[in-house]
């Protein structure tokens, strides 16, 4: 498995497109790096750049970007609304897949050392890469911002982890950089119908983990209450792992609350949005929408969409794209500009699945199937037939969830339908996977066989590809069989007006299972591992037998309802 790491440098330039372009080009043209997003902000004078690559190259790509930013950005003349202390203000590394946080910390430390030693830029390590507890919080590392660096360097407690600890001419231009290893951070701004930064801050302080400083009498002018160590006492906010600050955005002519959600598991974005709406309304303001900065994990918007669907007592068993659409509209993510999920959700940007078939129109899919090409063949058609059967079962669940007079049952049908949507999604993926498996066999047979060594390698590849071509249609059989539970429940409890759709779903799924088993058997003829063949044929026959039994039960229910 590839060790994939995401890197999200924030550069202190959001207006000069020529400078931004030259910095972005460094990673855009770097071999093996995929540029995911470039999100400039004029008022903040800051651009968030997101790219992904394998662990062994990510450090060098990030280093070259930081080097180019140092060359082109002069911090001594920089101005912007966002807190900052360097040409590259922050450069976090985030583990995506196949890599642990400990390994990501090693990468962050390696990058920090190179930036400090080779570029002479002061570096502070934060979050999981921090060298001590107080440096974990970025706000602590960045306290005083660029203007406070000289005093910070004179404080032994806040000397950089790497690089020079003096405010020389070179550092005056580059500033300092904070580098981290961390999990996903969602940068999220909420728009208010006010121009008052103070009013925006009042809401931010209600929500953020740090809350607000306690004062005598609970008044803004009251004396600060301190603990035994002389530190200000605080009233914590509503959410853990949430940072927030209010600011005025001249570009939009409104005040915003800028949030950083540092743990999406403990602090769901939709809950932050709803609580912001509540606290703003208490203070006579109204939330008019929100915006995401950079990319967001798909989970965040799926959870938000389901949350708002549930509030409306609507079924969650709808396509992923529709759930995300509900999230975008509910959160007002498209108020300030177009929000394209395909370019803003990280999984969509790095998804390397082959969907040459499942993305085609019905007409194109039928035409390519009827062509002279042997693929797509019976396996892919079986997977698609099964997906249609599962889709029909989900349709019945949704019609049942929305049936007049069944308002108390919508949640039951929603949960059943969601299971069906997962099955549908798996089977659609298997449409392409089955054709890919066949093509892999053809590629193996086309390998050279001019020597004994080449023949040996070719035979090993043929056997591996053949085994995969058996396992894929067998997986189609299993996934299709899982859908029978849903079809049966819809036959028993679903909207009786849709009973024929239940029957068609059953016929589709049975055809899919039988068709997939034919593909299992024909490929088994070419596999040398006869023990594997015996076991999978036996398992396949059990699925066929159980399917036949379920078919009789389900169609008997269908006939009974039709005869009423």
Protein backbone atom coordinates (compact mmCIF):
# COMPACT_ATOMS: atom_id res chain seq x y z
CA UNK A 1 0.00 0.00 0.00
CA UNK A 2 1.23 3.45 -0.88
CA UNK A 3 2.13 5.75 2.00
CA UNK A 4 0.13 8.82 1.04
CA UNK A 5 0.58 12.14 2.82
CA UNK A 6 -1.28 15.41 2.31
CA UNK A 7 0.55 18.71 2.67
CA UNK A 8 -1.30 22.01 3.20
CA UNK A 9 1.11 24.98 3.19
CA UNK A 10 -0.47 28.38 3.86
CA UNK A 11 1.51 31.11 2.11
CA UNK A 12 1.30 34.80 3.00
CA UNK A 13 0.15 35.99 -0.41
CA UNK A 14 -3.45 36.08 -1.58
CA UNK A 15 -3.55 38.92 -4.10
CA UNK A 16 -0.59 38.73 -6.48
CA UNK A 17 -1.60 35.94 -8.85
CA UNK A 18 1.81 35.90 -10.52
CA UNK A 19 3.57 35.11 -7.23
CA UNK A 20 0.95 32.53 -6.26
CA UNK A 21 1.27 30.85 -9.67
CA UNK A 22 5.06 30.59 -9.47
CA UNK A 23 4.90 29.05 -5.99
CA UNK A 24 2.15 26.61 -6.93
CA UNK A 25 4.02 25.53 -10.07
CA UNK A 26 6.81 24.12 -7.90
CA UNK A 27 4.55 21.32 -6.64
CA UNK A 28 2.25 21.19 -9.67
CA UNK A 29 5.20 20.13 -11.85
CA UNK A 30 6.87 17.94 -9.22
CA UNK A 31 6.91 14.27 -10.39
CA UNK A 32 4.56 12.10 -8.33
CA UNK A 33 2.80 15.04 -6.64
CA UNK A 34 -0.89 15.72 -7.25
CA UNK A 35 -2.04 19.30 -6.72
CA UNK A 36 -5.52 19.18 -5.20
CA UNK A 37 -6.53 22.75 -4.46
CA UNK A 38 -5.38 26.39 -4.46
CA UNK A 39 -7.58 28.71 -2.39
CA UNK A 40 -6.46 32.39 -2.28
CA UNK A 41 -8.05 34.97 0.02
CA UNK A 42 -7.72 38.67 -0.79
CA UNK A 43 -8.64 40.12 2.60
CA UNK A 44 -6.53 37.59 4.49
CA UNK A 45 -3.72 37.99 1.89
CA UNK A 46 -3.15 34.28 2.27
CA UNK A 47 -3.39 31.24 0.00
CA UNK A 48 -4.03 27.68 1.13
CA UNK A 49 -2.34 25.15 -1.16
CA UNK A 50 -3.19 21.46 -0.90
CA UNK A 51 -1.25 18.65 -2.54
CA UNK A 52 -0.72 14.94 -1.94
CA UNK A 53 2.10 12.52 -2.62
CA UNK A 54 3.94 9.49 -1.33
CA UNK A 55 5.93 9.80 1.87
CA UNK A 56 9.33 9.51 0.20
CA UNK A 57 8.80 12.59 -1.99
CA UNK A 58 6.47 14.80 0.04
CA UNK A 59 9.26 16.34 2.13
CA UNK A 60 11.30 17.39 -0.89
CA UNK A 61 8.24 18.84 -2.66
CA UNK A 62 7.26 20.84 0.45
CA UNK A 63 10.86 22.03 0.88
CA UNK A 64 11.00 23.34 -2.68
CA UNK A 65 7.69 25.19 -2.21
CA UNK A 66 8.94 26.83 0.99
CA UNK A 67 12.16 27.79 -0.78
CA UNK A 68 10.25 29.43 -3.65
CA UNK A 69 7.94 31.28 -1.21
CA UNK A 70 10.96 32.63 0.66
CA UNK A 71 12.34 33.90 -2.64
CA UNK A 72 9.14 35.67 -3.75
CA UNK A 73 7.39 36.90 -0.57
CA UNK A 74 8.67 39.76 1.58
CA UNK A 75 7.13 39.61 5.06
CA UNK A 76 8.44 43.05 6.01
CA UNK A 77 5.70 44.60 3.84
CA UNK A 78 2.98 42.00 4.33
CA UNK A 79 -0.47 42.94 5.59
CA UNK A 80 -3.55 40.76 5.98
CA UNK A 81 -6.44 39.89 8.28
CA UNK A 82 -5.21 36.40 9.14
CA UNK A 83 -2.64 35.79 11.91
CA UNK A 84 0.74 35.01 10.31
CA UNK A 85 4.45 35.01 11.00
CA UNK A 86 6.13 33.86 7.80
CA UNK A 87 6.16 33.69 4.01
CA UNK A 88 5.00 30.11 4.51
CA UNK A 89 3.08 30.62 7.71
CA UNK A 90 2.22 26.98 8.38
CA UNK A 91 3.04 23.72 6.61
CA UNK A 92 1.20 20.75 8.11
CA UNK A 93 1.64 17.14 6.97
CA UNK A 94 -1.43 14.89 7.26
CA UNK A 95 -1.40 11.07 6.99
CA UNK A 96 -3.87 9.91 4.34
CA UNK A 97 -3.35 6.16 3.94
CA UNK A 98 -0.76 3.49 4.61
CA UNK A 99 1.19 5.66 7.07
CA UNK A 100 1.02 6.18 10.82
CA UNK A 101 1.09 9.45 12.72
CA UNK A 102 4.48 8.54 14.19
CA UNK A 103 5.89 8.16 10.68
CA UNK A 104 4.31 11.48 9.68
CA UNK A 105 5.95 13.15 12.69
CA UNK A 106 9.32 11.89 11.44
CA UNK A 107 8.62 13.47 8.04
CA UNK A 108 7.63 16.78 9.66
CA UNK A 109 10.80 16.85 11.76
CA UNK A 110 12.91 16.03 8.71
CA UNK A 111 11.28 18.86 6.76
CA UNK A 112 11.73 21.26 9.70
CA UNK A 113 15.43 20.46 9.96
CA UNK A 114 16.01 21.01 6.24
CA UNK A 115 14.09 24.30 6.22
CA UNK A 116 15.98 25.54 9.27
CA UNK A 117 19.45 24.43 8.18
CA UNK A 118 19.33 24.86 4.39
CA UNK A 119 16.99 27.86 4.05
CA UNK A 120 17.90 29.62 7.32
CA UNK A 121 14.22 30.02 8.23
CA UNK A 122 13.28 29.77 11.94
CA UNK A 123 10.94 26.80 12.38
CA UNK A 124 8.50 25.98 15.18
CA UNK A 125 7.15 22.43 15.33
CA UNK A 126 3.54 22.16 16.53
CA UNK A 127 0.69 19.64 17.00
CA UNK A 128 2.04 16.05 16.99
CA UNK A 129 5.49 17.20 15.84
CA UNK A 130 5.87 19.56 18.82
CA UNK A 131 9.01 19.19 20.93
CA UNK A 132 7.21 20.21 24.13
CA UNK A 133 3.65 20.47 25.39
CA UNK A 134 3.25 24.26 25.13
CA UNK A 135 4.25 24.18 21.47
CA UNK A 136 1.47 21.80 20.44
CA UNK A 137 -0.92 24.71 20.08
CA UNK A 138 -0.26 26.74 16.93
CA UNK A 139 -1.62 29.87 18.60
CA UNK A 140 1.15 29.67 21.20
CA UNK A 141 3.85 29.25 18.55
CA UNK A 142 2.46 32.12 16.50
CA UNK A 143 1.76 34.48 19.42
CA UNK A 144 2.98 37.99 18.60
CA UNK A 145 2.93 37.06 14.89
CA UNK A 146 5.60 38.37 12.53
CA UNK A 147 5.92 41.68 14.37
CA UNK A 148 6.77 39.89 17.62
CA UNK A 149 9.46 37.57 16.29
CA UNK A 150 12.43 39.64 17.46
CA UNK A 151 11.21 39.63 21.07
CA UNK A 152 10.32 35.95 20.83
CA UNK A 153 13.83 35.03 19.71
CA UNK A 154 15.23 36.81 22.78
CA UNK A 155 13.13 34.63 25.06
CA UNK A 156 14.93 31.33 25.75
CA UNK A 157 11.56 29.60 26.22
CA UNK A 158 10.50 30.45 22.66
CA UNK A 159 13.59 29.99 20.54
CA UNK A 160 12.88 28.13 17.28
CA UNK A 161 13.18 24.33 17.13
CA UNK A 162 15.31 24.66 13.99
CA UNK A 163 16.99 27.49 12.12
CA UNK A 164 18.37 30.85 13.29
CA UNK A 165 17.19 32.45 16.53
CA UNK A 166 17.92 36.00 15.41
CA UNK A 167 15.92 38.59 13.52
CA UNK A 168 18.54 39.23 10.83
CA UNK A 169 17.91 40.71 7.39
CA UNK A 170 17.20 37.30 5.89
CA UNK A 171 14.64 36.44 8.56
CA UNK A 172 13.05 39.90 8.27
CA UNK A 173 12.10 38.91 4.74
CA UNK A 174 11.13 35.28 5.29
CA UNK A 175 9.66 35.42 8.77
CA UNK A 176 9.25 32.11 10.62
CA UNK A 177 7.41 28.94 9.63
CA UNK A 178 5.38 26.50 11.73
CA UNK A 179 5.54 22.87 10.60
CA UNK A 180 3.41 20.07 11.98
CA UNK A 181 2.11 16.56 11.69
CA UNK A 182 -1.61 16.51 12.38
CA UNK A 183 -4.89 14.94 11.44
CA UNK A 184 -7.40 16.64 9.19
CA UNK A 185 -8.11 20.23 10.14
CA UNK A 186 -11.22 21.83 8.72
CA UNK A 187 -10.83 25.57 8.12
CA UNK A 188 -14.35 26.95 8.16
CA UNK A 189 -15.75 30.49 8.07
CA UNK A 190 -19.32 31.45 9.02
CA UNK A 191 -20.82 34.64 7.55
CA UNK A 192 -22.81 37.08 9.67
CA UNK A 193 -25.13 39.94 8.72
CA UNK A 194 -22.98 42.42 10.60
CA UNK A 195 -19.83 44.42 10.05
CA UNK A 196 -18.83 44.28 13.73
CA UNK A 197 -15.74 42.23 14.51
CA UNK A 198 -16.53 42.54 18.22
CA UNK A 199 -19.99 41.01 17.73
CA UNK A 200 -18.48 38.20 15.67
CA UNK A 201 -15.91 37.54 18.40
CA UNK A 202 -18.64 37.35 21.03
CA UNK A 203 -20.13 34.36 19.21
CA UNK A 204 -16.72 32.79 18.52
CA UNK A 205 -15.86 32.96 22.23
CA UNK A 206 -19.13 31.17 23.05
CA UNK A 207 -18.16 28.20 20.92
CA UNK A 208 -14.38 27.84 20.86
CA UNK A 209 -12.67 25.49 23.32
CA UNK A 210 -10.65 28.33 24.87
CA UNK A 211 -13.89 30.19 25.58
CA UNK A 212 -13.45 33.65 27.05
CA UNK A 213 -11.46 35.19 29.90
CA UNK A 214 -13.38 35.50 33.17
CA UNK A 215 -13.90 39.05 34.44
CA UNK A 216 -15.31 40.41 37.66
CA UNK A 217 -19.05 41.01 37.42
CA UNK A 218 -19.09 39.22 34.08
CA UNK A 219 -18.53 42.52 32.32
CA UNK A 220 -16.11 43.34 29.51
CA UNK A 221 -14.71 46.19 31.59
CA UNK A 222 -14.40 44.04 34.70
CA UNK A 223 -11.04 43.11 36.18
CA UNK A 224 -9.54 39.88 34.83
CA UNK A 225 -9.87 36.98 37.30
CA UNK A 226 -6.62 35.02 37.65
CA UNK A 227 -5.64 31.65 39.11
CA UNK A 228 -2.93 30.97 41.72
CA UNK A 229 -0.24 31.10 39.04
CA UNK A 230 -1.38 34.48 37.76
CA UNK A 231 -2.92 33.11 34.57
CA UNK A 232 -6.35 34.39 33.46
CA UNK A 233 -9.21 32.03 34.29
CA UNK A 234 -11.46 31.10 31.41
CA UNK A 235 -15.04 30.07 30.83
CA UNK A 236 -14.75 27.23 28.29
CA UNK A 237 -16.81 27.26 25.10
CA UNK A 238 -19.30 24.68 23.86
CA UNK A 239 -16.89 22.63 21.73
CA UNK A 240 -13.65 20.76 22.25
CA UNK A 241 -11.01 20.95 19.51
CA UNK A 242 -12.44 24.18 18.12
CA UNK A 243 -10.59 27.45 17.60
CA UNK A 244 -12.40 30.59 16.57
CA UNK A 245 -11.95 34.29 15.99
CA UNK A 246 -14.07 37.07 14.47
CA UNK A 247 -12.90 39.36 11.70
CA UNK A 248 -14.21 41.78 9.08
CA UNK A 249 -13.76 40.79 5.43
CA UNK A 250 -13.67 43.90 3.26
CA UNK A 251 -13.92 41.75 0.13
CA UNK A 252 -17.38 40.54 1.20
CA UNK A 253 -18.41 43.58 3.26
CA UNK A 254 -19.33 41.39 6.26
CA UNK A 255 -17.90 40.03 9.48
CA UNK A 256 -17.08 36.35 9.69
CA UNK A 257 -16.21 33.88 12.38
CA UNK A 258 -13.15 31.92 11.31
CA UNK A 259 -13.08 28.45 12.85
CA UNK A 260 -10.48 25.69 12.86
CA UNK A 261 -11.93 22.28 13.69
CA UNK A 262 -8.96 20.18 14.74
CA UNK A 263 -10.87 16.94 15.36
CA UNK A 264 -13.88 16.22 13.14
CA UNK A 265 -14.78 13.17 15.24
CA UNK A 266 -15.42 15.18 18.41
CA UNK A 267 -16.60 18.39 16.77
CA UNK A 268 -18.94 17.92 13.79
CA UNK A 269 -19.05 20.89 11.45
CA UNK A 270 -22.85 20.94 11.26
CA UNK A 271 -23.11 21.23 15.05
CA UNK A 272 -20.71 24.18 15.00
CA UNK A 273 -22.84 25.82 12.30
CA UNK A 274 -26.13 25.28 14.14
CA UNK A 275 -24.73 26.51 17.46
CA UNK A 276 -23.31 29.59 15.70
CA UNK A 277 -26.78 30.29 14.28
CA UNK A 278 -28.27 29.97 17.77
CA UNK A 279 -25.73 32.22 19.52
CA UNK A 280 -25.80 34.80 16.74
CA UNK A 281 -29.58 35.04 16.92
CA UNK A 282 -29.42 35.61 20.68
CA UNK A 283 -27.24 38.64 19.93
CA UNK A 284 -29.55 40.00 17.24
CA UNK A 285 -27.52 38.71 14.29
CA UNK A 286 -28.22 36.18 11.58
CA UNK A 287 -25.94 33.65 9.89
CA UNK A 288 -26.14 34.14 6.13
CA UNK A 289 -24.00 31.22 5.00
CA UNK A 290 -20.53 29.78 5.39
CA UNK A 291 -17.43 28.80 3.44
CA UNK A 292 -14.87 26.02 3.60
CA UNK A 293 -11.23 26.91 3.04
CA UNK A 294 -9.28 24.32 1.09
CA UNK A 295 -10.42 20.70 1.00
CA UNK A 296 -12.68 18.78 3.36
CA UNK A 297 -13.03 15.05 4.13
CA UNK A 298 -16.15 13.57 2.57
CA UNK A 299 -17.30 12.34 5.97
CA UNK A 300 -17.86 15.94 7.14
CA UNK A 301 -20.43 16.73 4.44
CA UNK A 302 -22.06 13.29 4.49
CA UNK A 303 -22.66 13.61 8.24
CA UNK A 304 -23.99 17.15 7.76
CA UNK A 305 -26.33 16.12 4.96
CA UNK A 306 -27.73 13.20 6.96
CA UNK A 307 -28.10 15.42 10.01
CA UNK A 308 -30.28 17.92 8.13
CA UNK A 309 -32.24 15.19 6.35
CA UNK A 310 -32.97 13.61 9.73
CA UNK A 311 -34.12 16.96 11.13
CA UNK A 312 -36.57 17.11 8.22
CA UNK A 313 -37.64 13.48 8.94
CA UNK A 314 -36.53 12.46 5.47
CA UNK A 315 -34.91 9.22 4.41
CA UNK A 316 -31.11 9.17 4.31
CA UNK A 317 -31.19 6.45 1.65
CA UNK A 318 -30.36 8.70 -1.27
CA UNK A 319 -27.26 8.92 -3.48
CA UNK A 320 -24.13 10.36 -1.93
CA UNK A 321 -24.24 13.31 -4.31
CA UNK A 322 -27.72 14.28 -3.09
CA UNK A 323 -26.72 14.01 0.57
CA UNK A 324 -23.80 16.36 -0.12
CA UNK A 325 -26.12 18.73 -2.01
CA UNK A 326 -28.37 18.93 1.07
CA UNK A 327 -25.30 19.68 3.22
CA UNK A 328 -24.10 22.44 0.88
CA UNK A 329 -27.52 24.11 0.81
CA UNK A 330 -28.15 23.71 4.55
CA UNK A 331 -24.78 25.20 5.48
CA UNK A 332 -24.95 27.90 2.80
CA UNK A 333 -21.58 26.86 1.40
CA UNK A 334 -22.46 28.28 -2.01
CA UNK A 335 -23.54 31.71 -0.78
CA UNK A 336 -20.26 33.47 -1.62
CA UNK A 337 -19.40 31.44 -4.71
CA UNK A 338 -19.81 28.12 -6.49
CA UNK A 339 -19.08 25.04 -4.37
CA UNK A 340 -18.07 22.05 -6.51
CA UNK A 341 -17.82 18.87 -4.40
CA UNK A 342 -15.63 17.23 -7.05
CA UNK A 343 -12.88 19.78 -6.43
CA UNK A 344 -13.46 20.41 -2.71
CA UNK A 345 -13.76 16.90 -1.22
CA UNK A 346 -10.38 15.28 -0.72
CA UNK A 347 -11.50 11.71 -1.45
CA UNK A 348 -12.87 12.79 -4.82
CA UNK A 349 -9.60 14.52 -5.67
CA UNK A 350 -7.36 11.56 -4.89
CA UNK A 351 -9.72 8.75 -5.92
CA UNK A 352 -7.84 6.55 -8.36
CA UNK A 353 -10.62 4.02 -9.00
CA UNK A 354 -11.22 3.07 -12.59
CA UNK A 355 -14.83 3.94 -13.47
CA UNK A 356 -14.63 3.70 -17.26
CA UNK A 357 -17.84 1.67 -17.39
CA UNK A 358 -19.97 2.78 -14.45
CA UNK A 359 -19.63 6.43 -15.43
CA UNK A 360 -21.04 5.82 -18.90
CA UNK A 361 -24.61 6.56 -19.93
CA UNK A 362 -27.06 3.67 -20.24
CA UNK A 363 -26.88 3.90 -24.04
CA UNK A 364 -23.07 3.95 -24.13
CA UNK A 365 -22.85 1.07 -21.65
CA UNK A 366 -25.25 -1.01 -23.76
CA UNK A 367 -23.39 -0.18 -26.96
CA UNK A 368 -19.96 -1.06 -25.59
CA UNK A 369 -21.34 -4.31 -24.20
CA UNK A 370 -22.74 -5.25 -27.63
CA UNK A 371 -19.45 -4.47 -29.40
CA UNK A 372 -16.86 -6.99 -30.58
CA UNK A 373 -14.83 -6.49 -27.41
CA UNK A 374 -15.11 -9.44 -24.97
CA UNK A 375 -15.27 -6.99 -22.03
CA UNK A 376 -17.45 -5.89 -20.40
CA UNK A 377 -18.94 -9.34 -20.24
CA UNK A 378 -21.19 -11.43 -18.06
CA UNK A 379 -19.51 -10.54 -14.79
CA UNK A 380 -19.87 -6.78 -15.22
CA UNK A 381 -23.45 -7.21 -16.45
CA UNK A 382 -24.22 -9.37 -13.41
CA UNK A 383 -22.83 -6.70 -11.07
CA UNK A 384 -24.91 -4.00 -12.77
CA UNK A 385 -28.02 -6.17 -12.74
CA UNK A 386 -27.52 -6.70 -8.99
CA UNK A 387 -27.04 -2.94 -8.50
CA UNK A 388 -30.38 -2.32 -10.22
CA UNK A 389 -32.06 -4.88 -7.96
CA UNK A 390 -30.62 -3.21 -4.86
CA UNK A 391 -31.66 0.20 -6.22
CA UNK A 392 -35.26 -0.96 -6.62
CA UNK A 393 -35.29 -2.18 -3.01
CA UNK A 394 -33.99 1.21 -1.87
CA UNK A 395 -36.65 2.93 -3.95
CA UNK A 396 -39.35 0.95 -2.14
CA UNK A 397 -37.80 1.89 1.22
CA UNK A 398 -37.87 5.58 0.28
CA UNK A 399 -41.46 5.42 -0.99
CA UNK A 400 -42.39 3.72 2.26
CA UNK A 401 -40.55 6.33 4.35
CA UNK A 402 -42.52 9.09 2.63
CA UNK A 403 -45.90 7.33 2.54
CA UNK A 404 -48.69 9.44 3.98
CA UNK A 405 -49.78 8.08 7.35
CA UNK A 406 -46.51 6.20 7.92
CA UNK A 407 -44.71 9.15 9.55
CA UNK A 408 -43.75 7.04 12.56
CA UNK A 409 -41.98 4.52 10.33
CA UNK A 410 -39.71 6.79 8.28
CA UNK A 411 -36.62 6.15 10.40
CA UNK A 412 -36.93 2.35 10.05
CA UNK A 413 -37.16 2.57 6.27
CA UNK A 414 -34.36 5.13 6.14
CA UNK A 415 -31.95 2.79 7.94
CA UNK A 416 -32.90 -0.16 5.72
CA UNK A 417 -32.45 2.00 2.64
CA UNK A 418 -29.02 3.19 3.74
CA UNK A 419 -27.85 -0.44 3.86
CA UNK A 420 -29.17 -0.87 0.35
CA UNK A 421 -27.27 2.19 -0.88
CA UNK A 422 -24.01 0.69 0.42
CA UNK A 423 -24.74 -2.51 -1.48
CA UNK A 424 -25.60 -0.55 -4.62
CA UNK A 425 -22.32 1.37 -4.38
CA UNK A 426 -20.26 -1.83 -3.94
CA UNK A 427 -21.88 -3.46 -6.95
CA UNK A 428 -21.34 -0.42 -9.17
CA UNK A 429 -17.63 -0.53 -8.27
CA UNK A 430 -17.63 -4.25 -9.12
CA UNK A 431 -18.89 -3.46 -12.65
CA UNK A 432 -15.48 -2.00 -13.47
CA UNK A 433 -13.52 -4.37 -11.24
CA UNK A 434 -14.78 -7.42 -13.14
CA UNK A 435 -13.75 -5.98 -16.50
CA UNK A 436 -10.40 -4.94 -15.03
CA UNK A 437 -9.93 -8.52 -13.82
CA UNK A 438 -10.55 -9.89 -17.32
CA UNK A 439 -8.17 -7.36 -18.86
CA UNK A 440 -5.50 -8.39 -16.34
CA UNK A 441 -5.74 -11.97 -17.59
CA UNK A 442 -5.31 -10.80 -21.19
CA UNK A 443 -2.28 -8.73 -20.18
CA UNK A 444 -0.75 -11.73 -18.41
CA UNK A 445 -1.19 -13.94 -21.48
CA UNK A 446 0.50 -11.29 -23.64
CA UNK A 447 3.69 -11.33 -21.52
CA UNK A 448 6.86 -12.57 -23.26
CA UNK A 449 7.74 -16.30 -23.10
CA UNK A 450 11.06 -16.49 -24.91
CA UNK A 451 12.98 -18.05 -22.03
CA UNK A 452 12.27 -20.41 -19.14
CA UNK A 453 12.46 -17.48 -16.71
CA UNK A 454 10.01 -15.42 -18.77
CA UNK A 455 7.66 -18.42 -19.03
CA UNK A 456 7.77 -18.86 -15.26
CA UNK A 457 6.98 -15.19 -14.60
CA UNK A 458 4.20 -15.28 -17.22
CA UNK A 459 2.61 -18.39 -15.69
CA UNK A 460 2.69 -16.86 -12.19
CA UNK A 461 0.99 -13.71 -13.49
CA UNK A 462 -1.64 -15.73 -15.35
CA UNK A 463 -2.48 -17.72 -12.23
CA UNK A 464 -2.65 -14.60 -10.03
CA UNK A 465 -4.88 -12.81 -12.56
CA UNK A 466 -7.09 -15.88 -12.93
CA UNK A 467 -7.57 -16.18 -9.18
CA UNK A 468 -8.56 -12.51 -9.03
CA UNK A 469 -11.00 -13.09 -11.92
CA UNK A 470 -12.64 -15.80 -9.78
CA UNK A 471 -12.75 -13.76 -6.58
CA UNK A 472 -14.42 -10.72 -8.20
CA UNK A 473 -17.57 -12.52 -9.48
CA UNK A 474 -17.70 -14.48 -6.22
CA UNK A 475 -17.74 -11.11 -4.40
CA UNK A 476 -20.59 -10.05 -6.69
CA UNK A 477 -22.51 -13.15 -5.57
CA UNK A 478 -21.98 -12.37 -1.87
CA UNK A 479 -22.88 -8.69 -2.12
CA UNK A 480 -26.00 -9.50 -4.15
CA UNK A 481 -27.06 -12.11 -1.61
CA UNK A 482 -26.75 -9.48 1.14
CA UNK A 483 -29.40 -7.42 -0.68
CA UNK A 484 -31.99 -10.21 -0.26
CA UNK A 485 -32.47 -9.26 3.39
CA UNK A 486 -33.53 -5.77 2.32
CA UNK A 487 -35.74 -7.04 -0.51
CA UNK A 488 -37.49 -9.42 1.87
CA UNK A 489 -38.13 -6.69 4.45
CA UNK A 490 -39.59 -4.48 1.74
CA UNK A 491 -41.83 -7.34 0.63
CA UNK A 492 -43.12 -7.78 4.19
CA UNK A 493 -43.25 -4.18 5.47
CA UNK A 494 -42.82 -1.93 2.44
CA UNK A 495 -45.36 0.18 0.64
CA UNK A 496 -47.77 -2.38 -0.91
CA UNK A 497 -48.24 -0.12 -3.94
CA UNK A 498 -44.61 -0.94 -4.85
CA UNK A 499 -44.82 -4.70 -4.41
CA UNK A 500 -44.09 -5.37 -8.09
CA UNK A 501 -40.86 -3.40 -7.74
CA UNK A 502 -39.90 -5.77 -4.94
CA UNK A 503 -40.56 -8.71 -7.27
CA UNK A 504 -38.45 -7.20 -10.06
CA UNK A 505 -35.66 -6.52 -7.55
CA UNK A 506 -35.71 -10.22 -6.60
CA UNK A 507 -35.50 -11.33 -10.23
CA UNK A 508 -32.62 -8.92 -10.92
CA UNK A 509 -30.62 -10.11 -7.95
CA UNK A 510 -31.18 -13.79 -8.70
CA UNK A 511 -30.07 -13.26 -12.30
CA UNK A 512 -27.00 -11.41 -11.02
CA UNK A 513 -26.06 -14.22 -8.63
CA UNK A 514 -26.54 -16.93 -11.25
CA UNK A 515 -24.62 -14.93 -13.84
CA UNK A 516 -21.74 -14.22 -11.50
CA UNK A 517 -21.49 -17.93 -10.60
CA UNK A 518 -21.11 -18.83 -14.28
CA UNK A 519 -18.08 -16.51 -14.38
CA UNK A 520 -16.67 -18.10 -11.23
CA UNK A 521 -16.94 -21.57 -12.75
CA UNK A 522 -15.43 -20.78 -16.15
CA UNK A 523 -12.38 -19.11 -14.61
CA UNK A 524 -11.95 -21.97 -12.14
CA UNK A 525 -11.20 -24.23 -15.11
CA UNK A 526 -7.93 -22.36 -15.68
CA UNK A 527 -6.68 -22.26 -12.07
CA UNK A 528 -4.07 -24.77 -10.90
CA UNK A 529 -4.95 -24.40 -7.21
CA UNK A 530 -7.63 -27.10 -7.11
CA UNK A 531 -8.15 -26.83 -3.35
CA UNK A 532 -9.11 -23.16 -3.78
CA UNK A 533 -11.39 -24.15 -6.68
CA UNK A 534 -13.22 -26.83 -4.66
CA UNK A 535 -13.84 -24.46 -1.75
CA UNK A 536 -15.10 -21.54 -3.79
CA UNK A 537 -17.35 -23.73 -5.98
CA UNK A 538 -18.84 -25.27 -2.82
CA UNK A 539 -19.43 -21.80 -1.34
CA UNK A 540 -20.93 -20.58 -4.60
CA UNK A 541 -23.38 -23.49 -4.71
CA UNK A 542 -24.46 -22.71 -1.14
CA UNK A 543 -25.21 -19.12 -2.17
CA UNK A 544 -27.23 -20.38 -5.16
CA UNK A 545 -29.19 -22.80 -2.94
CA UNK A 546 -29.94 -20.15 -0.31
CA UNK A 547 -30.91 -17.68 -3.03
CA UNK A 548 -33.43 -20.12 -4.47
CA UNK A 549 -34.99 -20.58 -1.03
CA UNK A 550 -35.22 -16.84 -0.43
CA UNK A 551 -36.65 -16.31 -3.89
CA UNK A 552 -39.55 -18.69 -3.18
CA UNK A 553 -40.33 -16.91 0.11
CA UNK A 554 -40.13 -13.39 -1.34
CA UNK A 555 -42.11 -14.13 -4.51
CA UNK A 556 -44.77 -15.90 -2.43
CA UNK A 557 -45.23 -12.67 -0.45
CA UNK A 558 -45.33 -10.67 -3.67
CA UNK A 559 -48.02 -12.95 -5.15
CA UNK A 560 -50.05 -12.78 -1.92
CA UNK A 561 -50.06 -8.96 -1.95
CA UNK A 562 -50.94 -8.89 -5.66
CA UNK A 563 -53.87 -11.26 -5.15
CA UNK A 564 -55.55 -9.01 -2.56
